[in-house]
Amino acid sequence: MCIEQLLSRKAEDLIAIDLRQTADFVDYFIICTGTSDVHVRALADAVIEGLKAEGQHPYQIEGYDVRKWVLIDFFDIVVHIFQKESRQFYGLERLWRDAPIERIEDDVVMDNKIQM
């Protein structure tokens, strides 16, 4: 569901990194880019409120007030919402390049690989 929330708010460059075979602390990273601090906040709000409506509450939220990089931790899935410059600087995709990465386009329907 977090992917649907992000797509509905026009998240850019949306990817899912499957970390089940790579990391023992998380199953997936969902990473996307917002076009401004206002857009980053709107994306974060959409994820948080959308999942709260389904009874899922984040364990931790970081960066919400600064809005350069918002991290929303749902234990098995961690959502990273970046502004473009911060995403390029931190390069999470490069750090986890050995894990399978799936690009998610607006017109592609997820096939339930990621349950949330």
N, C-alpha and C. Protein backbone atom coordinates (compact mmCIF):
# COMPACT_ATOMS: atom_id res chain seq x y z
N MET A 1 0.80 -1.21 0.00
CA MET A 1 0.00 0.00 0.00
C MET A 1 0.84 1.27 0.00
N CYS A 2 2.02 1.22 0.59
CA CYS A 2 2.82 2.45 0.60
C CYS A 2 3.21 2.84 -0.82
N ILE A 3 3.39 1.85 -1.70
CA ILE A 3 3.72 2.16 -3.09
C ILE A 3 2.57 2.87 -3.76
N GLU A 4 1.36 2.41 -3.52
CA GLU A 4 0.18 3.07 -4.08
C GLU A 4 0.08 4.50 -3.59
N GLN A 5 0.34 4.71 -2.30
CA GLN A 5 0.29 6.06 -1.74
C GLN A 5 1.31 6.97 -2.42
N LEU A 6 2.52 6.46 -2.61
CA LEU A 6 3.58 7.25 -3.24
C LEU A 6 3.24 7.56 -4.69
N LEU A 7 2.75 6.57 -5.42
CA LEU A 7 2.37 6.80 -6.81
C LEU A 7 1.24 7.81 -6.93
N SER A 8 0.28 7.74 -6.00
CA SER A 8 -0.86 8.65 -6.06
C SER A 8 -0.44 10.10 -5.83
N ARG A 9 0.70 10.30 -5.18
CA ARG A 9 1.20 11.66 -4.91
C ARG A 9 2.36 12.03 -5.84
N LYS A 10 2.50 11.26 -6.92
CA LYS A 10 3.48 11.58 -7.98
C LYS A 10 4.93 11.51 -7.52
N ALA A 11 5.27 10.50 -6.72
CA ALA A 11 6.67 10.27 -6.36
C ALA A 11 7.47 9.99 -7.62
N GLU A 12 8.70 10.44 -7.65
CA GLU A 12 9.57 10.23 -8.80
C GLU A 12 10.61 9.16 -8.51
N ASP A 13 11.06 8.49 -9.57
CA ASP A 13 12.15 7.51 -9.49
C ASP A 13 11.94 6.53 -8.34
N LEU A 14 10.79 5.90 -8.34
CA LEU A 14 10.38 4.99 -7.27
C LEU A 14 10.98 3.60 -7.50
N ILE A 15 11.64 3.07 -6.47
CA ILE A 15 12.23 1.74 -6.55
C ILE A 15 11.95 0.96 -5.27
N ALA A 16 12.03 -0.35 -5.40
CA ALA A 16 11.98 -1.25 -4.24
C ALA A 16 13.25 -2.09 -4.27
N ILE A 17 13.97 -2.11 -3.16
CA ILE A 17 15.16 -2.94 -3.03
C ILE A 17 14.82 -4.12 -2.13
N ASP A 18 14.97 -5.32 -2.65
CA ASP A 18 14.66 -6.54 -1.92
C ASP A 18 15.89 -6.94 -1.10
N LEU A 19 15.81 -6.75 0.20
CA LEU A 19 16.95 -6.99 1.09
C LEU A 19 16.80 -8.28 1.91
N ARG A 20 15.84 -9.10 1.57
CA ARG A 20 15.59 -10.31 2.36
C ARG A 20 16.79 -11.25 2.41
N GLN A 21 17.58 -11.30 1.34
CA GLN A 21 18.75 -12.17 1.31
C GLN A 21 20.04 -11.43 1.68
N THR A 22 19.94 -10.12 1.87
CA THR A 22 21.13 -9.29 2.07
C THR A 22 21.26 -8.74 3.48
N ALA A 23 20.15 -8.38 4.09
CA ALA A 23 20.16 -7.74 5.41
C ALA A 23 19.25 -8.51 6.36
N ASP A 24 19.59 -8.46 7.63
CA ASP A 24 18.75 -9.17 8.60
C ASP A 24 17.86 -8.23 9.41
N PHE A 25 17.87 -6.95 9.08
CA PHE A 25 17.09 -5.97 9.85
C PHE A 25 15.88 -5.44 9.11
N VAL A 26 15.74 -5.76 7.82
CA VAL A 26 14.65 -5.23 7.02
C VAL A 26 14.46 -6.14 5.81
N ASP A 27 13.22 -6.18 5.29
CA ASP A 27 12.95 -6.95 4.08
C ASP A 27 13.09 -6.10 2.82
N TYR A 28 12.55 -4.89 2.87
CA TYR A 28 12.56 -4.02 1.69
C TYR A 28 12.88 -2.58 2.07
N PHE A 29 13.58 -1.90 1.18
CA PHE A 29 13.67 -0.45 1.17
C PHE A 29 12.81 0.01 0.00
N ILE A 30 11.93 0.95 0.26
CA ILE A 30 11.20 1.64 -0.79
C ILE A 30 11.82 3.03 -0.85
N ILE A 31 12.31 3.42 -2.02
CA ILE A 31 13.01 4.69 -2.17
C ILE A 31 12.35 5.49 -3.28
N CYS A 32 12.15 6.78 -3.02
CA CYS A 32 11.61 7.66 -4.06
C CYS A 32 12.14 9.07 -3.86
N THR A 33 11.83 9.91 -4.84
CA THR A 33 12.28 11.30 -4.82
C THR A 33 11.07 12.22 -4.88
N GLY A 34 11.13 13.28 -4.07
CA GLY A 34 10.16 14.36 -4.13
C GLY A 34 10.80 15.57 -4.79
N THR A 35 10.01 16.40 -5.42
CA THR A 35 10.54 17.53 -6.19
C THR A 35 10.87 18.76 -5.35
N SER A 36 10.40 18.79 -4.11
CA SER A 36 10.64 19.94 -3.22
C SER A 36 10.41 19.48 -1.79
N ASP A 37 10.70 20.36 -0.83
CA ASP A 37 10.45 19.98 0.57
C ASP A 37 8.95 19.80 0.82
N VAL A 38 8.12 20.58 0.15
CA VAL A 38 6.67 20.44 0.30
C VAL A 38 6.22 19.09 -0.27
N HIS A 39 6.77 18.71 -1.41
CA HIS A 39 6.42 17.43 -2.03
C HIS A 39 6.89 16.26 -1.17
N VAL A 40 8.09 16.36 -0.61
CA VAL A 40 8.61 15.31 0.28
C VAL A 40 7.67 15.13 1.47
N ARG A 41 7.24 16.23 2.05
CA ARG A 41 6.33 16.14 3.19
C ARG A 41 4.99 15.53 2.79
N ALA A 42 4.47 15.92 1.62
CA ALA A 42 3.20 15.36 1.14
C ALA A 42 3.32 13.85 0.91
N LEU A 43 4.45 13.41 0.37
CA LEU A 43 4.68 11.98 0.17
C LEU A 43 4.73 11.25 1.50
N ALA A 44 5.46 11.81 2.45
CA ALA A 44 5.56 11.20 3.78
C ALA A 44 4.18 11.14 4.45
N ASP A 45 3.44 12.23 4.39
CA ASP A 45 2.10 12.25 4.98
C ASP A 45 1.20 11.20 4.34
N ALA A 46 1.28 11.04 3.03
CA ALA A 46 0.45 10.07 2.33
C ALA A 46 0.75 8.65 2.80
N VAL A 47 2.03 8.33 2.94
CA VAL A 47 2.42 6.99 3.41
C VAL A 47 1.96 6.78 4.84
N ILE A 48 2.25 7.73 5.71
CA ILE A 48 1.91 7.59 7.13
C ILE A 48 0.41 7.47 7.33
N GLU A 49 -0.35 8.39 6.75
CA GLU A 49 -1.80 8.39 6.93
C GLU A 49 -2.46 7.20 6.24
N GLY A 50 -1.97 6.86 5.06
CA GLY A 50 -2.54 5.72 4.34
C GLY A 50 -2.39 4.42 5.10
N LEU A 51 -1.23 4.21 5.67
CA LEU A 51 -1.01 2.96 6.41
C LEU A 51 -1.64 2.99 7.79
N LYS A 52 -1.72 4.16 8.41
CA LYS A 52 -2.44 4.26 9.69
C LYS A 52 -3.91 3.89 9.51
N ALA A 53 -4.47 4.29 8.37
CA ALA A 53 -5.87 3.96 8.09
C ALA A 53 -6.08 2.45 7.99
N GLU A 54 -5.01 1.72 7.70
CA GLU A 54 -5.07 0.26 7.61
C GLU A 54 -4.58 -0.41 8.88
N GLY A 55 -4.34 0.38 9.92
CA GLY A 55 -3.91 -0.17 11.20
C GLY A 55 -2.41 -0.37 11.34
N GLN A 56 -1.63 0.13 10.40
CA GLN A 56 -0.17 0.02 10.47
C GLN A 56 0.39 1.36 10.94
N HIS A 57 1.23 1.31 11.95
CA HIS A 57 1.82 2.53 12.49
C HIS A 57 3.33 2.45 12.39
N PRO A 58 3.98 3.54 11.99
CA PRO A 58 5.44 3.50 11.87
C PRO A 58 6.11 3.34 13.23
N TYR A 59 7.18 2.57 13.23
CA TYR A 59 8.00 2.41 14.43
C TYR A 59 8.78 3.70 14.69
N GLN A 60 9.28 4.30 13.63
CA GLN A 60 10.09 5.51 13.77
C GLN A 60 10.00 6.34 12.49
N ILE A 61 10.06 7.65 12.66
CA ILE A 61 10.10 8.59 11.54
C ILE A 61 11.27 9.54 11.79
N GLU A 62 12.13 9.68 10.81
CA GLU A 62 13.28 10.58 10.92
C GLU A 62 13.27 11.57 9.76
N GLY A 63 13.70 12.79 10.01
CA GLY A 63 13.87 13.78 8.96
C GLY A 63 12.62 14.50 8.52
N TYR A 64 11.52 14.28 9.21
CA TYR A 64 10.24 14.85 8.78
C TYR A 64 10.27 16.38 8.79
N ASP A 65 10.89 16.97 9.78
CA ASP A 65 10.91 18.44 9.87
C ASP A 65 11.86 19.08 8.87
N VAL A 66 12.94 18.40 8.54
CA VAL A 66 13.94 18.96 7.61
C VAL A 66 13.53 18.73 6.16
N ARG A 67 12.99 17.56 5.87
CA ARG A 67 12.42 17.19 4.57
C ARG A 67 13.43 17.11 3.43
N LYS A 68 14.67 16.82 3.74
CA LYS A 68 15.67 16.52 2.71
C LYS A 68 15.69 15.01 2.46
N TRP A 69 15.50 14.26 3.56
CA TRP A 69 15.44 12.79 3.53
C TRP A 69 14.56 12.36 4.69
N VAL A 70 13.39 11.86 4.37
CA VAL A 70 12.48 11.36 5.39
C VAL A 70 12.54 9.84 5.37
N LEU A 71 12.79 9.26 6.54
CA LEU A 71 12.84 7.81 6.70
C LEU A 71 11.64 7.41 7.55
N ILE A 72 10.85 6.47 7.04
CA ILE A 72 9.68 5.98 7.76
C ILE A 72 9.87 4.47 7.93
N ASP A 73 10.04 4.04 9.17
CA ASP A 73 10.37 2.65 9.48
C ASP A 73 9.12 1.89 9.90
N PHE A 74 8.75 0.89 9.10
CA PHE A 74 7.64 -0.01 9.42
C PHE A 74 8.17 -1.41 9.74
N PHE A 75 9.36 -1.50 10.31
CA PHE A 75 10.04 -2.75 10.66
C PHE A 75 10.49 -3.51 9.42
N ASP A 76 9.59 -4.24 8.76
CA ASP A 76 9.97 -5.05 7.60
C ASP A 76 10.21 -4.21 6.35
N ILE A 77 9.58 -3.07 6.30
CA ILE A 77 9.73 -2.16 5.16
C ILE A 77 10.12 -0.79 5.69
N VAL A 78 11.15 -0.22 5.07
CA VAL A 78 11.57 1.14 5.42
C VAL A 78 11.42 1.99 4.16
N VAL A 79 10.68 3.08 4.29
CA VAL A 79 10.44 3.99 3.18
C VAL A 79 11.40 5.17 3.32
N HIS A 80 12.13 5.45 2.23
CA HIS A 80 13.06 6.58 2.18
C HIS A 80 12.53 7.55 1.13
N ILE A 81 12.25 8.78 1.54
CA ILE A 81 11.76 9.81 0.63
C ILE A 81 12.80 10.93 0.62
N PHE A 82 13.40 11.14 -0.53
CA PHE A 82 14.50 12.10 -0.66
C PHE A 82 14.13 13.28 -1.54
N GLN A 83 14.81 14.40 -1.33
CA GLN A 83 14.94 15.39 -2.37
C GLN A 83 16.08 14.92 -3.27
N LYS A 84 16.08 15.35 -4.53
CA LYS A 84 17.00 14.82 -5.53
C LYS A 84 18.46 14.90 -5.10
N GLU A 85 18.89 16.04 -4.60
CA GLU A 85 20.30 16.23 -4.23
C GLU A 85 20.71 15.29 -3.09
N SER A 86 19.84 15.11 -2.13
CA SER A 86 20.14 14.22 -1.00
C SER A 86 20.19 12.77 -1.46
N ARG A 87 19.31 12.40 -2.36
CA ARG A 87 19.33 11.02 -2.86
C ARG A 87 20.63 10.73 -3.60
N GLN A 88 21.06 11.66 -4.41
CA GLN A 88 22.32 11.47 -5.12
C GLN A 88 23.50 11.41 -4.16
N PHE A 89 23.49 12.26 -3.14
CA PHE A 89 24.59 12.31 -2.19
C PHE A 89 24.72 11.02 -1.39
N TYR A 90 23.61 10.52 -0.85
CA TYR A 90 23.66 9.34 0.02
C TYR A 90 23.72 8.03 -0.77
N GLY A 91 23.15 7.99 -1.93
CA GLY A 91 23.28 6.85 -2.84
C GLY A 91 22.96 5.49 -2.26
N LEU A 92 21.79 5.35 -1.66
CA LEU A 92 21.42 4.05 -1.08
C LEU A 92 21.42 2.93 -2.12
N GLU A 93 21.06 3.26 -3.35
CA GLU A 93 21.08 2.24 -4.40
C GLU A 93 22.49 1.69 -4.61
N ARG A 94 23.47 2.55 -4.51
CA ARG A 94 24.87 2.10 -4.65
C ARG A 94 25.29 1.23 -3.48
N LEU A 95 24.86 1.59 -2.28
CA LEU A 95 25.24 0.82 -1.09
C LEU A 95 24.66 -0.59 -1.12
N TRP A 96 23.49 -0.75 -1.71
CA TRP A 96 22.80 -2.04 -1.73
C TRP A 96 22.73 -2.61 -3.14
N ARG A 97 23.71 -2.33 -3.97
CA ARG A 97 23.66 -2.73 -5.38
C ARG A 97 23.66 -4.24 -5.60
N ASP A 98 24.06 -5.02 -4.60
CA ASP A 98 24.03 -6.48 -4.74
C ASP A 98 22.63 -7.06 -4.55
N ALA A 99 21.72 -6.26 -4.05
CA ALA A 99 20.34 -6.72 -3.83
C ALA A 99 19.50 -6.45 -5.08
N PRO A 100 18.48 -7.26 -5.31
CA PRO A 100 17.58 -7.02 -6.45
C PRO A 100 16.86 -5.68 -6.29
N ILE A 101 16.86 -4.89 -7.36
CA ILE A 101 16.19 -3.59 -7.37
C ILE A 101 15.11 -3.61 -8.44
N GLU A 102 13.90 -3.24 -8.04
CA GLU A 102 12.79 -3.17 -8.98
C GLU A 102 12.36 -1.72 -9.15
N ARG A 103 12.40 -1.24 -10.38
CA ARG A 103 11.90 0.11 -10.68
C ARG A 103 10.39 0.03 -10.80
N ILE A 104 9.72 0.99 -10.21
CA ILE A 104 8.26 0.98 -10.20
C ILE A 104 7.78 2.21 -10.96
N GLU A 105 7.07 1.95 -12.04
CA GLU A 105 6.55 3.03 -12.88
C GLU A 105 5.09 3.27 -12.55
N ASP A 106 4.62 4.44 -12.87
CA ASP A 106 3.25 4.83 -12.57
C ASP A 106 2.23 3.91 -13.22
N ASP A 107 2.56 3.38 -14.40
CA ASP A 107 1.59 2.56 -15.12
C ASP A 107 1.77 1.07 -14.89
N VAL A 108 2.67 0.70 -13.98
CA VAL A 108 2.91 -0.71 -13.69
C VAL A 108 2.19 -1.07 -12.40
N VAL A 109 1.42 -2.13 -12.42
CA VAL A 109 0.72 -2.60 -11.23
C VAL A 109 1.61 -3.61 -10.53
N MET A 110 1.83 -3.41 -9.22
CA MET A 110 2.64 -4.34 -8.45
C MET A 110 1.94 -5.69 -8.40
N ASP A 111 2.72 -6.76 -8.45
CA ASP A 111 2.15 -8.10 -8.45
C ASP A 111 2.22 -8.74 -7.06
N ASN A 112 2.06 -7.92 -6.02
CA ASN A 112 2.02 -8.37 -4.63
C ASN A 112 3.32 -8.98 -4.15
N LYS A 113 4.44 -8.61 -4.74
CA LYS A 113 5.73 -9.05 -4.22
C LYS A 113 5.99 -8.41 -2.87
N ILE A 114 5.56 -7.18 -2.72
CA ILE A 114 5.79 -6.44 -1.48
C ILE A 114 4.44 -6.28 -0.79
N GLN A 115 4.29 -6.92 0.32
CA GLN A 115 3.03 -6.89 1.05
C GLN A 115 3.06 -5.79 2.10
N MET A 116 2.23 -4.80 1.95
CA MET A 116 2.02 -3.78 2.96
C MET A 116 0.86 -2.94 2.53
